[in-house]
Amino acid sequence: MPDGDPEGVRIIDRMNWTGQGIVFPREKWADTRKGQAFGHPGVYILVGLTSDDDLPTIYVGEGDGIRDRIDSHYTGAKAKDFWSWGMAFISTNRGLNKAHVQWLEFALVNQATKAKRSHLDNGNAPQEPALTDSEKADTRGFLKEILQILPLVGLHAFEMPKAVATPLTKASAPAAPIVSYENDTVIVPAQKGGFEKVFLGEHCWHAIRISGGMLQKIKWIAAYQAQPISAITHVAPVSRIEPYGEGSKYKLVFSEPAKPITPIPFADAPSGAMQGPRYTTYSKLTAAKKLTDLVGKI
């Protein structure tokens, strides 16, 4: 940290690695760009949070000298407004050439597309350049180092999501009614568009804050549809829970499509009772006649 500021410019070196990473806030670019490293071939990533689903927007680029490329995204007719910080990776021994950095750009875009943890601002998917087997092996090694560094500087968009809990709940009717004494169900508020597109269409729900103590307990998720419906209308069994976005939020993936239930109306619940997730038991959910049966009169 040249300025001693953990939120400012950071330079990352690793033992026995010929590369170097430079992380910088957008507002520091005018000074950061003066570094000699930005005259070298390299790959860079620009990051910003511009959507309301908590996924970052990223742009992956490369250049024979990356200073001018980042300059073009900073000011001018082709400037990109979304990014608030960026990172660049270069070789300290000039071991990367134009084909190498093109391959790194291709591989990073491909990895981000597979991970589905960001919005890619790249208009077109780059094509894989031709490299010899030995060049590709070396460049893959460089990519591995980049992918190990990114989470350490706060970017998880290239990591394949790994489940933090796998309840693998099934909705098949059991021989006897499910009786639960410990909270095992999360109720989430949903607007019409998100409910239809994600809860019903994608069989999941995301950007949920869940306390660490609840992660291993949740087996069911219920949807409270906001006005004009104002009722809990559907429930789904949870297959797995994954990290979502760059914060401490999660994505719940269903093991089966959500099923409608007898609506549980808002009724006499106090204003604001369903502005965020609420916990209950599946037993209470199936017996409830109104929302206060589940969340009480707050």
Protein backbone atom coordinates (compact mmCIF):
# COMPACT_ATOMS: atom_id res chain seq x y z
CA MET A 1 0.00 0.00 0.00
CA PRO A 2 2.16 2.92 -1.23
CA ASP A 3 -0.05 5.49 0.54
CA GLY A 4 -0.64 3.36 3.62
CA ASP A 5 -4.36 3.33 2.76
CA PRO A 6 -6.01 -0.13 2.50
CA GLU A 7 -8.74 1.43 0.34
CA GLY A 8 -6.23 3.18 -1.92
CA VAL A 9 -3.66 1.88 -4.39
CA ARG A 10 -2.39 -1.61 -3.64
CA ILE A 11 0.48 -3.45 -5.31
CA ILE A 12 0.48 -7.25 -5.16
CA ASP A 13 3.59 -9.37 -5.60
CA ARG A 14 3.85 -13.08 -4.95
CA MET A 15 6.99 -15.06 -4.25
CA ASN A 16 8.30 -16.90 -7.31
CA TRP A 17 5.79 -15.15 -9.59
CA THR A 18 6.93 -12.98 -12.48
CA GLY A 19 3.71 -11.00 -12.45
CA GLN A 20 2.44 -8.04 -10.51
CA GLY A 21 -1.07 -6.87 -9.67
CA ILE A 22 -2.05 -3.23 -9.16
CA VAL A 23 -5.41 -2.33 -7.60
CA PHE A 24 -6.57 1.27 -7.73
CA PRO A 25 -9.68 3.38 -7.04
CA ARG A 26 -10.96 5.29 -10.06
CA GLU A 27 -10.30 8.62 -8.36
CA LYS A 28 -6.61 7.67 -8.02
CA TRP A 29 -6.13 6.73 -11.68
CA ALA A 30 -4.75 10.11 -12.75
CA ASP A 31 -1.77 9.56 -10.44
CA THR A 32 -1.59 5.75 -10.64
CA ARG A 33 -1.31 5.78 -14.46
CA LYS A 34 2.18 7.31 -14.22
CA GLY A 35 3.64 3.99 -13.06
CA GLN A 36 5.96 2.27 -15.53
CA ALA A 37 4.00 -0.98 -15.25
CA PHE A 38 1.09 0.48 -17.25
CA GLY A 39 3.31 0.78 -20.29
CA HIS A 40 3.70 -3.02 -20.38
CA PRO A 41 1.40 -5.60 -22.01
CA GLY A 42 -1.23 -6.69 -19.52
CA VAL A 43 -4.82 -7.46 -18.71
CA TYR A 44 -7.11 -5.29 -16.58
CA ILE A 45 -10.50 -5.51 -14.89
CA LEU A 46 -12.79 -2.55 -14.15
CA VAL A 47 -15.39 -3.03 -11.41
CA GLY A 48 -18.49 -1.17 -10.27
CA LEU A 49 -21.79 -1.84 -8.53
CA THR A 50 -24.52 -0.47 -10.79
CA SER A 51 -27.44 -2.89 -10.55
CA ASP A 52 -29.98 -3.46 -7.80
CA ASP A 53 -29.31 -7.21 -7.59
CA ASP A 54 -25.98 -6.82 -5.76
CA LEU A 55 -23.91 -8.32 -8.57
CA PRO A 56 -20.95 -6.19 -9.69
CA THR A 57 -20.58 -4.96 -13.25
CA ILE A 58 -17.15 -5.78 -14.65
CA TYR A 59 -15.21 -5.12 -17.83
CA VAL A 60 -12.18 -7.19 -18.84
CA GLY A 61 -9.66 -5.68 -21.24
CA GLU A 62 -6.12 -6.10 -22.50
CA GLY A 63 -3.46 -4.07 -24.22
CA ASP A 64 0.08 -4.11 -25.51
CA GLY A 65 0.41 -1.19 -23.15
CA ILE A 66 -2.60 -0.85 -20.89
CA ARG A 67 -2.25 2.80 -19.84
CA ASP A 68 -3.97 4.17 -22.95
CA ARG A 69 -6.69 1.53 -22.80
CA ILE A 70 -7.62 2.40 -19.22
CA ASP A 71 -7.34 6.11 -20.07
CA SER A 72 -10.03 5.61 -22.72
CA HIS A 73 -12.38 4.15 -20.09
CA TYR A 74 -11.61 6.98 -17.67
CA THR A 75 -12.36 10.07 -19.78
CA GLY A 76 -13.40 10.87 -23.31
CA ALA A 77 -16.06 9.69 -25.73
CA LYS A 78 -15.57 5.98 -24.87
CA ALA A 79 -15.36 6.46 -21.10
CA LYS A 80 -17.19 3.92 -18.97
CA ASP A 81 -19.10 5.49 -16.10
CA PHE A 82 -19.89 2.35 -14.13
CA TRP A 83 -16.48 1.51 -12.66
CA SER A 84 -15.32 2.72 -9.28
CA TRP A 85 -12.13 0.67 -9.01
CA GLY A 86 -9.86 -1.35 -11.23
CA MET A 87 -6.98 -3.76 -11.23
CA ALA A 88 -4.25 -4.53 -13.71
CA PHE A 89 -1.88 -7.47 -14.10
CA ILE A 90 1.43 -7.25 -15.93
CA SER A 91 4.66 -9.26 -16.12
CA THR A 92 7.62 -7.74 -14.31
CA ASN A 93 10.07 -9.43 -16.68
CA ARG A 94 8.10 -8.53 -19.81
CA GLY A 95 7.22 -12.18 -20.26
CA LEU A 96 3.74 -11.38 -21.59
CA ASN A 97 3.22 -10.46 -25.22
CA LYS A 98 0.11 -9.39 -27.14
CA ALA A 99 -1.08 -12.97 -27.74
CA HIS A 100 -0.62 -13.86 -24.06
CA VAL A 101 -2.73 -10.96 -22.79
CA GLN A 102 -5.38 -11.64 -25.42
CA TRP A 103 -5.57 -15.20 -24.11
CA LEU A 104 -5.84 -13.94 -20.52
CA GLU A 105 -8.70 -11.63 -21.54
CA PHE A 106 -10.44 -14.55 -23.30
CA ALA A 107 -9.98 -16.83 -20.27
CA LEU A 108 -11.19 -14.24 -17.72
CA VAL A 109 -14.31 -13.39 -19.73
CA ASN A 110 -15.02 -17.10 -20.14
CA GLN A 111 -14.55 -17.70 -16.39
CA ALA A 112 -16.82 -14.79 -15.42
CA THR A 113 -19.50 -16.04 -17.82
CA LYS A 114 -19.41 -19.51 -16.27
CA ALA A 115 -19.43 -18.23 -12.68
CA LYS A 116 -22.54 -16.02 -13.27
CA ARG A 117 -21.57 -13.74 -10.38
CA SER A 118 -21.35 -10.47 -12.29
CA HIS A 119 -22.74 -8.42 -15.16
CA LEU A 120 -20.19 -8.39 -17.98
CA ASP A 121 -19.87 -5.05 -19.75
CA ASN A 122 -17.83 -6.60 -22.58
CA GLY A 123 -19.89 -6.18 -25.72
CA ASN A 124 -18.43 -9.18 -27.56
CA ALA A 125 -16.85 -12.34 -26.22
CA PRO A 126 -13.15 -12.33 -27.23
CA GLN A 127 -11.89 -15.20 -29.36
CA GLU A 128 -9.17 -17.53 -28.12
CA PRO A 129 -5.85 -16.63 -29.78
CA ALA A 130 -3.53 -19.31 -31.07
CA LEU A 131 -0.73 -20.20 -28.64
CA THR A 132 1.76 -23.03 -28.66
CA ASP A 133 1.29 -25.69 -26.01
CA SER A 134 4.19 -24.33 -23.98
CA GLU A 135 2.90 -20.74 -24.22
CA LYS A 136 -0.55 -21.81 -23.16
CA ALA A 137 0.86 -23.70 -20.18
CA ASP A 138 2.80 -20.63 -19.04
CA THR A 139 -0.18 -18.34 -19.55
CA ARG A 140 -2.47 -20.71 -17.66
CA GLY A 141 -0.02 -20.52 -14.77
CA PHE A 142 -0.23 -16.71 -14.88
CA LEU A 143 -4.04 -16.92 -14.94
CA LYS A 144 -4.00 -19.21 -11.90
CA GLU A 145 -2.07 -16.59 -9.94
CA ILE A 146 -4.58 -13.89 -10.98
CA LEU A 147 -7.55 -16.01 -9.90
CA GLN A 148 -5.92 -16.64 -6.51
CA ILE A 149 -5.31 -12.91 -5.99
CA LEU A 150 -8.75 -11.58 -6.98
CA PRO A 151 -10.67 -12.80 -3.88
CA LEU A 152 -7.91 -11.40 -1.65
CA VAL A 153 -8.57 -7.91 -3.03
CA GLY A 154 -12.34 -8.25 -2.70
CA LEU A 155 -13.50 -9.54 -6.09
CA HIS A 156 -15.29 -12.91 -6.18
CA ALA A 157 -16.91 -12.56 -9.61
CA PHE A 158 -14.59 -15.17 -11.16
CA GLU A 159 -15.09 -17.84 -8.48
CA MET A 160 -17.48 -20.69 -9.16
CA PRO A 161 -20.08 -20.51 -6.38
CA LYS A 162 -19.67 -23.19 -3.72
CA ALA A 163 -22.57 -24.19 -1.52
CA VAL A 164 -22.31 -23.12 2.11
CA ALA A 165 -25.27 -25.35 3.02
CA THR A 166 -26.95 -28.25 1.21
CA PRO A 167 -30.26 -29.11 2.89
CA LEU A 168 -31.44 -30.97 -0.27
CA THR A 169 -35.04 -30.66 0.94
CA LYS A 170 -37.75 -32.40 -1.10
CA ALA A 171 -41.40 -31.37 -1.20
CA SER A 172 -42.73 -34.90 -1.65
CA ALA A 173 -45.50 -35.54 0.85
CA PRO A 174 -44.12 -37.43 3.90
CA ALA A 175 -45.97 -40.27 5.58
CA ALA A 176 -46.68 -37.97 8.52
CA PRO A 177 -46.98 -34.16 8.72
CA ILE A 178 -43.68 -32.31 9.10
CA VAL A 179 -43.31 -31.06 12.67
CA SER A 180 -40.57 -28.52 13.26
CA TYR A 181 -39.77 -26.73 16.51
CA GLU A 182 -36.75 -24.79 15.28
CA ASN A 183 -36.91 -22.09 12.60
CA ASP A 184 -36.29 -23.82 9.28
CA THR A 185 -38.10 -21.52 6.86
CA VAL A 186 -37.26 -18.05 5.55
CA ILE A 187 -40.02 -15.78 4.24
CA VAL A 188 -38.82 -13.26 1.66
CA PRO A 189 -40.64 -10.18 0.35
CA ALA A 190 -40.94 -10.10 -3.44
CA GLN A 191 -42.13 -7.60 -6.00
CA LYS A 192 -44.20 -8.90 -8.92
CA GLY A 193 -41.44 -8.75 -11.56
CA GLY A 194 -38.77 -10.46 -9.47
CA PHE A 195 -41.21 -13.03 -8.12
CA GLU A 196 -42.31 -14.14 -11.58
CA LYS A 197 -38.89 -13.98 -13.21
CA VAL A 198 -36.71 -15.44 -10.45
CA PHE A 199 -38.80 -17.24 -7.80
CA LEU A 200 -41.07 -18.96 -10.35
CA GLY A 201 -38.95 -18.75 -13.51
CA GLU A 202 -35.43 -19.50 -12.29
CA HIS A 203 -36.38 -21.61 -9.24
CA CYS A 204 -34.16 -19.63 -6.89
CA TRP A 205 -34.02 -16.42 -4.86
CA HIS A 206 -30.98 -14.27 -4.34
CA ALA A 207 -29.45 -11.30 -2.57
CA ILE A 208 -30.76 -12.49 0.81
CA ARG A 209 -29.02 -11.58 4.05
CA ILE A 210 -28.94 -14.65 6.31
CA SER A 211 -27.31 -14.75 9.70
CA GLY A 212 -24.53 -17.31 9.96
CA GLY A 213 -26.37 -19.31 12.60
CA MET A 214 -29.30 -19.89 10.21
CA LEU A 215 -27.38 -21.11 7.18
CA GLN A 216 -27.43 -24.77 8.22
CA LYS A 217 -31.04 -24.63 9.44
CA ILE A 218 -32.98 -23.35 6.44
CA LYS A 219 -34.86 -26.04 4.53
CA TRP A 220 -37.74 -24.05 3.02
CA ILE A 221 -38.31 -20.64 1.48
CA ALA A 222 -41.67 -18.89 1.23
CA ALA A 223 -42.51 -15.85 -0.91
CA TYR A 224 -44.51 -12.91 0.38
CA GLN A 225 -45.87 -11.01 -2.61
CA ALA A 226 -46.05 -7.28 -2.05
CA GLN A 227 -49.04 -5.09 -2.87
CA PRO A 228 -51.58 -5.50 -4.32
CA ILE A 229 -51.46 -9.20 -3.34
CA SER A 230 -49.99 -8.65 0.15
CA ALA A 231 -49.80 -12.30 1.10
CA ILE A 232 -47.50 -15.31 1.35
CA THR A 233 -48.48 -17.35 -1.70
CA HIS A 234 -45.75 -19.88 -2.53
CA VAL A 235 -43.23 -22.13 -0.83
CA ALA A 236 -40.28 -24.11 -2.19
CA PRO A 237 -37.84 -26.67 -0.78
CA VAL A 238 -34.20 -25.53 -0.66
CA SER A 239 -31.53 -27.63 -2.33
CA ARG A 240 -28.45 -25.51 -1.58
CA ILE A 241 -27.35 -22.08 -0.41
CA GLU A 242 -24.53 -20.24 -2.19
CA PRO A 243 -22.73 -16.91 -1.71
CA TYR A 244 -24.14 -14.16 -3.91
CA GLY A 245 -22.48 -10.97 -5.09
CA GLU A 246 -19.57 -9.30 -3.34
CA GLY A 247 -21.21 -8.76 0.05
CA SER A 248 -22.55 -11.04 2.74
CA LYS A 249 -25.64 -12.13 0.86
CA TYR A 250 -26.78 -15.52 -0.38
CA LYS A 251 -28.64 -17.29 -3.17
CA LEU A 252 -31.11 -20.08 -2.32
CA VAL A 253 -31.52 -22.66 -5.08
CA PHE A 254 -34.71 -24.74 -5.02
CA SER A 255 -34.72 -28.52 -5.33
CA GLU A 256 -38.20 -28.35 -6.94
CA PRO A 257 -40.30 -25.53 -8.43
CA ALA A 258 -42.21 -23.41 -5.93
CA LYS A 259 -45.76 -24.57 -5.17
CA PRO A 260 -48.74 -22.33 -4.41
CA ILE A 261 -50.25 -22.51 -0.93
CA THR A 262 -53.43 -21.12 0.55
CA PRO A 263 -52.55 -17.41 0.71
CA ILE A 264 -51.51 -16.12 4.13
CA PRO A 265 -52.64 -12.46 4.09
CA PHE A 266 -50.88 -9.47 5.63
CA ALA A 267 -54.15 -8.77 7.50
CA ASP A 268 -53.50 -6.99 10.83
CA ALA A 269 -49.71 -7.11 10.74
CA PRO A 270 -48.03 -3.77 11.52
CA SER A 271 -46.63 -1.60 8.74
CA GLY A 272 -43.14 -2.71 7.69
CA ALA A 273 -43.56 -6.27 8.97
CA MET A 274 -42.33 -7.69 5.65
CA GLN A 275 -39.68 -5.21 4.57
CA GLY A 276 -37.00 -7.88 4.96
CA PRO A 277 -36.62 -11.65 5.39
CA ARG A 278 -38.35 -13.26 8.37
CA TYR A 279 -37.84 -16.71 9.90
CA THR A 280 -40.44 -19.23 10.99
CA THR A 281 -41.03 -22.98 11.06
CA TYR A 282 -42.55 -25.01 8.28
CA SER A 283 -45.15 -26.30 10.76
CA LYS A 284 -46.32 -22.76 11.55
CA LEU A 285 -46.32 -21.84 7.87
CA THR A 286 -48.68 -24.66 6.94
CA ALA A 287 -51.03 -23.82 9.83
CA ALA A 288 -51.02 -20.02 9.61
CA LYS A 289 -54.16 -18.07 8.71
CA LYS A 290 -52.54 -14.62 8.65
CA LEU A 291 -49.06 -13.10 8.77
CA THR A 292 -49.09 -12.37 12.51
CA ASP A 293 -49.43 -16.11 13.15
CA LEU A 294 -45.85 -16.32 11.87
CA VAL A 295 -44.14 -13.07 12.80
CA GLY A 296 -46.26 -11.87 15.73
CA LYS A 297 -47.47 -8.32 16.30
CA ILE A 298 -44.08 -6.67 16.19
